Amino acid sequence: MKTKVEIFSTQKLKIFFTNLYSLFEVKLKDLHDLESCSNSKNLSIVFFENQDFVKEKVLKNILQNENFICIYNELSILEKPSLDLNKNMTAPLSISKFIDRINETINKKEYVYRNIELSKNFITNRNTKENNYLTQAENLILIKLFTEKKINKKLIEREVLDIKQDLNTCSIESHLNRIRKKLKKIDSDFSVFSKNSNIFLEIINPDK
């Protein structure tokens, strides 16, 4: 499952995002859609240009929403005290820098399921505070599982691990085994299972 990314921009910028289709599930929207989407829970990118104006209330919602990244085409806009300089960017910017910022935002986001929190490549037991480091592949697999609860094994192989269809599934099973061990080590009350073509989360200590 690719990460869903909503992008708000003018029509002339939309060709830029064809570079992202192989990496993310991109949904392109017009800037006038912002008012109805400012509370979105999907990762959202907003491109502001000189002539672009939004209502103050909408702008405030966007700036307070951790799922939004804003890109401005002039440095003077960033002088506003309400803008988080670590969260926003100015144009021009390269596609590699843009993708890096999206992935950085995804990895920083906190995901919670049962007694485990996933953040910044670490899984942490919310009760005992024990934690364990995840590799990038393990982190991406768990992000998908925390979000979807059940995912197709072939999609994970193709989109997360970039495994070609003519290879066997040893690699994905190896990653899943390591994830199980790390969850068990910090006393998670659920684990990762695979059956047939699906990978899913299953509670192992229902009384917790």
C-alpha atoms as a PDB file:
ATOM      1  CA  MET A   1       0.000   0.000   0.000  1.00  0.00           C
ATOM      2  CA  LYS A   2       1.481   3.323  -1.050  1.00  0.00           C
ATOM      3  CA  THR A   3       1.231   6.273   1.306  1.00  0.00           C
ATOM      4  CA  LYS A   4      -1.632   8.580   0.325  1.00  0.00           C
ATOM      5  CA  VAL A   5      -0.493  12.110  -0.451  1.00  0.00           C
ATOM      6  CA  GLU A   6      -2.934  14.931  -1.241  1.00  0.00           C
ATOM      7  CA  ILE A   7      -1.377  17.781  -3.213  1.00  0.00           C
ATOM      8  CA  PHE A   8      -2.987  21.206  -3.518  1.00  0.00           C
ATOM      9  CA  SER A   9      -1.616  23.397  -6.288  1.00  0.00           C
ATOM     10  CA  THR A  10      -2.417  25.440  -9.367  1.00  0.00           C
ATOM     11  CA  GLN A  11      -2.967  23.646 -12.660  1.00  0.00           C
ATOM     12  CA  LYS A  12       0.406  24.653 -14.087  1.00  0.00           C
ATOM     13  CA  LEU A  13       2.300  22.865 -11.305  1.00  0.00           C
ATOM     14  CA  LYS A  14       0.553  19.524 -11.613  1.00  0.00           C
ATOM     15  CA  ILE A  15       2.953  18.129 -14.245  1.00  0.00           C
ATOM     16  CA  PHE A  16       5.672  18.293 -11.566  1.00  0.00           C
ATOM     17  CA  PHE A  17       3.987  15.530  -9.574  1.00  0.00           C
ATOM     18  CA  THR A  18       4.176  12.847 -12.241  1.00  0.00           C
ATOM     19  CA  ASN A  19       7.554  12.055 -10.641  1.00  0.00           C
ATOM     20  CA  LEU A  20       5.760  10.891  -7.494  1.00  0.00           C
ATOM     21  CA  TYR A  21       3.263   8.390  -8.873  1.00  0.00           C
ATOM     22  CA  SER A  22       5.608   5.430  -8.571  1.00  0.00           C
ATOM     23  CA  LEU A  23       6.323   6.218  -4.900  1.00  0.00           C
ATOM     24  CA  PHE A  24       3.059   7.517  -3.452  1.00  0.00           C
ATOM     25  CA  GLU A  25      -0.672   7.332  -4.051  1.00  0.00           C
ATOM     26  CA  VAL A  26      -1.038  10.919  -5.265  1.00  0.00           C
ATOM     27  CA  LYS A  27      -4.333  12.773  -5.351  1.00  0.00           C
ATOM     28  CA  LEU A  28      -4.162  16.180  -7.014  1.00  0.00           C
ATOM     29  CA  LYS A  29      -6.526  18.907  -5.823  1.00  0.00           C
ATOM     30  CA  ASP A  30      -7.107  22.567  -6.583  1.00  0.00           C
ATOM     31  CA  LEU A  31      -6.272  25.254  -4.052  1.00  0.00           C
ATOM     32  CA  HIS A  32      -9.921  26.166  -3.627  1.00  0.00           C
ATOM     33  CA  ASP A  33     -10.453  22.677  -2.124  1.00  0.00           C
ATOM     34  CA  LEU A  34      -8.343  23.632   0.898  1.00  0.00           C
ATOM     35  CA  GLU A  35     -11.240  24.997   2.923  1.00  0.00           C
ATOM     36  CA  SER A  36     -13.008  21.634   2.971  1.00  0.00           C
ATOM     37  CA  CYS A  37      -9.791  19.641   3.484  1.00  0.00           C
ATOM     38  CA  SER A  38      -7.830  21.665   6.050  1.00  0.00           C
ATOM     39  CA  ASN A  39      -8.461  19.008   8.729  1.00  0.00           C
ATOM     40  CA  SER A  40      -7.293  16.148   6.527  1.00  0.00           C
ATOM     41  CA  LYS A  41      -5.593  13.184   8.191  1.00  0.00           C
ATOM     42  CA  ASN A  42      -3.739  12.288   5.001  1.00  0.00           C
ATOM     43  CA  LEU A  43      -0.295  13.673   4.298  1.00  0.00           C
ATOM     44  CA  SER A  44      -0.992  16.910   2.397  1.00  0.00           C
ATOM     45  CA  ILE A  45       1.252  19.243   0.416  1.00  0.00           C
ATOM     46  CA  VAL A  46       0.182  22.832  -0.334  1.00  0.00           C
ATOM     47  CA  PHE A  47       1.927  25.023  -2.906  1.00  0.00           C
ATOM     48  CA  PHE A  48       1.342  28.736  -2.277  1.00  0.00           C
ATOM     49  CA  GLU A  49       2.083  31.265  -5.008  1.00  0.00           C
ATOM     50  CA  ASN A  50       2.066  35.090  -4.884  1.00  0.00           C
ATOM     51  CA  GLN A  51      -1.533  35.354  -5.956  1.00  0.00           C
ATOM     52  CA  ASP A  52      -2.805  32.601  -3.710  1.00  0.00           C
ATOM     53  CA  PHE A  53      -4.852  33.672  -0.741  1.00  0.00           C
ATOM     54  CA  VAL A  54      -6.781  31.541   1.722  1.00  0.00           C
ATOM     55  CA  LYS A  55      -9.000  32.508   4.597  1.00  0.00           C
ATOM     56  CA  GLU A  56      -7.185  33.143   7.857  1.00  0.00           C
ATOM     57  CA  LYS A  57      -9.124  30.374   9.612  1.00  0.00           C
ATOM     58  CA  VAL A  58      -8.211  27.857   6.899  1.00  0.00           C
ATOM     59  CA  LEU A  59      -4.552  28.883   6.972  1.00  0.00           C
ATOM     60  CA  LYS A  60      -4.488  28.505  10.759  1.00  0.00           C
ATOM     61  CA  ASN A  61      -5.938  24.988  10.514  1.00  0.00           C
ATOM     62  CA  ILE A  62      -3.353  24.029   7.919  1.00  0.00           C
ATOM     63  CA  LEU A  63      -0.427  25.359   9.953  1.00  0.00           C
ATOM     64  CA  GLN A  64      -1.617  23.520  13.058  1.00  0.00           C
ATOM     65  CA  ASN A  65      -2.234  20.263  11.222  1.00  0.00           C
ATOM     66  CA  GLU A  66       0.850  18.032  11.479  1.00  0.00           C
ATOM     67  CA  ASN A  67      -0.138  16.283   8.250  1.00  0.00           C
ATOM     68  CA  PHE A  68       0.416  19.406   6.119  1.00  0.00           C
ATOM     69  CA  ILE A  69       3.630  20.561   4.466  1.00  0.00           C
ATOM     70  CA  CYS A  70       3.522  24.038   2.915  1.00  0.00           C
ATOM     71  CA  ILE A  71       5.767  25.252   0.101  1.00  0.00           C
ATOM     72  CA  TYR A  72       6.140  28.962  -0.699  1.00  0.00           C
ATOM     73  CA  ASN A  73       7.770  30.613  -3.683  1.00  0.00           C
ATOM     74  CA  GLU A  74       9.154  33.601  -1.831  1.00  0.00           C
ATOM     75  CA  LEU A  75      11.224  33.808   1.325  1.00  0.00           C
ATOM     76  CA  SER A  76       9.375  36.851   2.682  1.00  0.00           C
ATOM     77  CA  ILE A  77       6.302  34.728   3.425  1.00  0.00           C
ATOM     78  CA  LEU A  78       8.371  32.664   5.853  1.00  0.00           C
ATOM     79  CA  GLU A  79       9.000  35.747   7.970  1.00  0.00           C
ATOM     80  CA  LYS A  80       5.518  35.378   9.410  1.00  0.00           C
ATOM     81  CA  PRO A  81       5.880  34.282  13.046  1.00  0.00           C
ATOM     82  CA  SER A  82       3.080  31.727  12.684  1.00  0.00           C
ATOM     83  CA  LEU A  83       5.058  29.564  10.246  1.00  0.00           C
ATOM     84  CA  ASP A  84       7.101  26.599  11.419  1.00  0.00           C
ATOM     85  CA  LEU A  85      10.352  26.856   9.464  1.00  0.00           C
ATOM     86  CA  ASN A  86      11.169  23.192  10.071  1.00  0.00           C
ATOM     87  CA  LYS A  87       7.890  22.078   8.546  1.00  0.00           C
ATOM     88  CA  ASN A  88       7.716  24.336   5.504  1.00  0.00           C
ATOM     89  CA  MET A  89       9.887  24.924   2.444  1.00  0.00           C
ATOM     90  CA  THR A  90      10.547  27.555  -0.175  1.00  0.00           C
ATOM     91  CA  ALA A  91      10.759  27.047  -3.932  1.00  0.00           C
ATOM     92  CA  PRO A  92      12.612  26.330  -6.100  1.00  0.00           C
ATOM     93  CA  LEU A  93      13.430  22.868  -4.781  1.00  0.00           C
ATOM     94  CA  SER A  94      14.606  19.636  -6.363  1.00  0.00           C
ATOM     95  CA  ILE A  95      12.378  16.589  -6.666  1.00  0.00           C
ATOM     96  CA  SER A  96      14.830  14.606  -4.486  1.00  0.00           C
ATOM     97  CA  LYS A  97      14.639  17.183  -1.705  1.00  0.00           C
ATOM     98  CA  PHE A  98      10.875  17.242  -2.008  1.00  0.00           C
ATOM     99  CA  ILE A  99      10.624  13.431  -1.728  1.00  0.00           C
ATOM    100  CA  ASP A 100      13.066  13.424   1.201  1.00  0.00           C
ATOM    101  CA  ARG A 101      10.848  15.885   3.072  1.00  0.00           C
ATOM    102  CA  ILE A 102       7.747  13.780   2.444  1.00  0.00           C
ATOM    103  CA  ASN A 103       9.489  10.630   3.716  1.00  0.00           C
ATOM    104  CA  GLU A 104      10.872  12.530   6.688  1.00  0.00           C
ATOM    105  CA  THR A 105       7.357  13.662   7.619  1.00  0.00           C
ATOM    106  CA  ILE A 106       6.012  10.117   7.258  1.00  0.00           C
ATOM    107  CA  ASN A 107       8.759   8.685   9.462  1.00  0.00           C
ATOM    108  CA  LYS A 108       8.298  11.334  12.167  1.00  0.00           C
ATOM    109  CA  LYS A 109       4.593  10.736  12.494  1.00  0.00           C
ATOM    110  CA  GLU A 110       3.465   8.714  15.508  1.00  0.00           C
ATOM    111  CA  TYR A 111       1.373   5.599  14.971  1.00  0.00           C
ATOM    112  CA  VAL A 112      -0.303   3.729  17.817  1.00  0.00           C
ATOM    113  CA  TYR A 113      -1.845   0.279  17.980  1.00  0.00           C
ATOM    114  CA  ARG A 114      -2.798  -1.356  21.276  1.00  0.00           C
ATOM    115  CA  ASN A 115       0.142  -0.922  23.702  1.00  0.00           C
ATOM    116  CA  ILE A 116       2.745  -0.073  21.061  1.00  0.00           C
ATOM    117  CA  GLU A 117       3.713   3.295  19.628  1.00  0.00           C
ATOM    118  CA  LEU A 118       5.663   3.557  16.378  1.00  0.00           C
ATOM    119  CA  SER A 119       7.711   6.706  15.784  1.00  0.00           C
ATOM    120  CA  LYS A 120      11.050   7.642  14.228  1.00  0.00           C
ATOM    121  CA  ASN A 121      12.023   4.025  13.465  1.00  0.00           C
ATOM    122  CA  PHE A 122      11.354   2.907  17.047  1.00  0.00           C
ATOM    123  CA  ILE A 123       8.588   0.775  18.518  1.00  0.00           C
ATOM    124  CA  THR A 124       7.881   1.600  22.160  1.00  0.00           C
ATOM    125  CA  ASN A 125       5.752  -0.135  24.771  1.00  0.00           C
ATOM    126  CA  ARG A 126       3.570   2.717  26.018  1.00  0.00           C
ATOM    127  CA  ASN A 127       3.296   1.167  29.490  1.00  0.00           C
ATOM    128  CA  THR A 128       6.853   0.032  30.220  1.00  0.00           C
ATOM    129  CA  LYS A 129       8.658   2.510  27.881  1.00  0.00           C
ATOM    130  CA  GLU A 130      10.817  -0.318  26.546  1.00  0.00           C
ATOM    131  CA  ASN A 131      11.717   0.228  22.917  1.00  0.00           C
ATOM    132  CA  ASN A 132      13.372  -1.387  19.941  1.00  0.00           C
ATOM    133  CA  TYR A 133      14.931   0.038  16.802  1.00  0.00           C
ATOM    134  CA  LEU A 134      13.504  -0.849  13.378  1.00  0.00           C
ATOM    135  CA  THR A 135      15.271  -0.940  10.044  1.00  0.00           C
ATOM    136  CA  GLN A 136      13.771   1.220   7.304  1.00  0.00           C
ATOM    137  CA  ALA A 137      12.025  -1.781   5.714  1.00  0.00           C
ATOM    138  CA  GLU A 138      10.636  -2.978   9.060  1.00  0.00           C
ATOM    139  CA  ASN A 139       9.461   0.541   9.848  1.00  0.00           C
ATOM    140  CA  LEU A 140       7.633   0.882   6.520  1.00  0.00           C
ATOM    141  CA  ILE A 141       5.965  -2.516   6.909  1.00  0.00           C
ATOM    142  CA  LEU A 142       4.672  -1.643  10.379  1.00  0.00           C
ATOM    143  CA  ILE A 143       3.470   1.800   9.271  1.00  0.00           C
ATOM    144  CA  LYS A 144       1.379   0.051   6.618  1.00  0.00           C
ATOM    145  CA  LEU A 145       0.058  -2.469   9.148  1.00  0.00           C
ATOM    146  CA  PHE A 146      -0.726   0.142  11.814  1.00  0.00           C
ATOM    147  CA  THR A 147      -2.646   2.113   9.182  1.00  0.00           C
ATOM    148  CA  GLU A 148      -4.372  -0.673   7.262  1.00  0.00           C
ATOM    149  CA  LYS A 149      -4.307  -3.572   9.799  1.00  0.00           C
ATOM    150  CA  LYS A 150      -4.289  -6.032   6.889  1.00  0.00           C
ATOM    151  CA  ILE A 151      -2.159  -5.770   3.751  1.00  0.00           C
ATOM    152  CA  ASN A 152      -1.403  -7.829   0.684  1.00  0.00           C
ATOM    153  CA  LYS A 153       1.990  -9.527   0.751  1.00  0.00           C
ATOM    154  CA  LYS A 154       2.674  -8.914  -2.935  1.00  0.00           C
ATOM    155  CA  LEU A 155       2.017  -5.190  -2.524  1.00  0.00           C
ATOM    156  CA  ILE A 156       4.509  -5.012   0.342  1.00  0.00           C
ATOM    157  CA  GLU A 157       7.084  -6.912  -1.693  1.00  0.00           C
ATOM    158  CA  ARG A 158       6.661  -4.608  -4.647  1.00  0.00           C
ATOM    159  CA  GLU A 159       6.131  -1.223  -3.018  1.00  0.00           C
ATOM    160  CA  VAL A 160       8.079  -1.418   0.247  1.00  0.00           C
ATOM    161  CA  LEU A 161      10.831  -3.899  -0.518  1.00  0.00           C
ATOM    162  CA  ASP A 162      10.949  -3.414  -4.303  1.00  0.00           C
ATOM    163  CA  ILE A 163      11.095  -7.168  -4.965  1.00  0.00           C
ATOM    164  CA  LYS A 164      10.477  -8.314  -8.534  1.00  0.00           C
ATOM    165  CA  GLN A 165       7.650 -10.761  -9.133  1.00  0.00           C
ATOM    166  CA  ASP A 166       9.947 -13.558 -10.284  1.00  0.00           C
ATOM    167  CA  LEU A 167      11.654 -13.751  -6.869  1.00  0.00           C
ATOM    168  CA  ASN A 168      10.383 -15.860  -3.970  1.00  0.00           C
ATOM    169  CA  THR A 169       9.027 -14.433  -0.703  1.00  0.00           C
ATOM    170  CA  CYS A 170      11.935 -15.335   1.588  1.00  0.00           C
ATOM    171  CA  SER A 171      12.899 -11.700   2.014  1.00  0.00           C
ATOM    172  CA  ILE A 172       9.492 -10.517   3.221  1.00  0.00           C
ATOM    173  CA  GLU A 173       9.211 -13.457   5.636  1.00  0.00           C
ATOM    174  CA  SER A 174      12.657 -12.641   6.978  1.00  0.00           C
ATOM    175  CA  HIS A 175      11.546  -9.072   7.723  1.00  0.00           C
ATOM    176  CA  LEU A 176       8.347 -10.298   9.371  1.00  0.00           C
ATOM    177  CA  ASN A 177      10.284 -12.696  11.613  1.00  0.00           C
ATOM    178  CA  ARG A 178      12.532  -9.883  12.801  1.00  0.00           C
ATOM    179  CA  ILE A 179       9.512  -7.659  13.471  1.00  0.00           C
ATOM    180  CA  ARG A 180       7.880 -10.444  15.542  1.00  0.00           C
ATOM    181  CA  LYS A 181      11.011 -10.856  17.649  1.00  0.00           C
ATOM    182  CA  LYS A 182      11.279  -7.116  18.281  1.00  0.00           C
ATOM    183  CA  LEU A 183       7.603  -6.832  19.244  1.00  0.00           C
ATOM    184  CA  LYS A 184       7.940  -9.816  21.587  1.00  0.00           C
ATOM    185  CA  LYS A 185      11.064  -8.356  23.194  1.00  0.00           C
ATOM    186  CA  ILE A 186       9.160  -5.270  24.374  1.00  0.00           C
ATOM    187  CA  ASP A 187       6.118  -7.320  25.454  1.00  0.00           C
ATOM    188  CA  SER A 188       3.714  -6.257  22.741  1.00  0.00           C
ATOM    189  CA  ASP A 189       0.196  -7.609  23.170  1.00  0.00           C
ATOM    190  CA  PHE A 190      -0.070  -8.288  19.435  1.00  0.00           C
ATOM    191  CA  SER A 191       2.121  -9.725  16.713  1.00  0.00           C
ATOM    192  CA  VAL A 192       2.482  -9.899  12.946  1.00  0.00           C
ATOM    193  CA  PHE A 193       1.129 -12.899  11.076  1.00  0.00           C
ATOM    194  CA  SER A 194       0.961 -13.944   7.455  1.00  0.00           C
ATOM    195  CA  LYS A 195      -1.532 -16.321   5.898  1.00  0.00           C
ATOM    196  CA  ASN A 196      -1.940 -17.047   2.216  1.00  0.00           C
ATOM    197  CA  SER A 197      -1.478 -13.704   0.460  1.00  0.00           C
ATOM    198  CA  ASN A 198      -2.100 -11.419   3.454  1.00  0.00           C
ATOM    199  CA  ILE A 199      -0.125  -9.941   6.345  1.00  0.00           C
ATOM    200  CA  PHE A 200      -2.057  -8.785   9.388  1.00  0.00           C
ATOM    201  CA  LEU A 201      -1.889  -7.802  13.060  1.00  0.00           C
ATOM    202  CA  GLU A 202      -3.329 -10.211  15.606  1.00  0.00           C
ATOM    203  CA  ILE A 203      -3.829  -9.725  19.339  1.00  0.00           C
ATOM    204  CA  ILE A 204      -1.984 -12.339  21.368  1.00  0.00           C
ATOM    205  CA  ASN A 205      -2.810 -11.067  24.879  1.00  0.00           C
ATOM    206  CA  PRO A 206      -6.480  -9.995  24.699  1.00  0.00           C
ATOM    207  CA  ASP A 207      -6.677  -9.320  28.460  1.00  0.00           C
ATOM    208  CA  LYS A 208      -4.085  -6.527  28.299  1.00  0.00           C
END
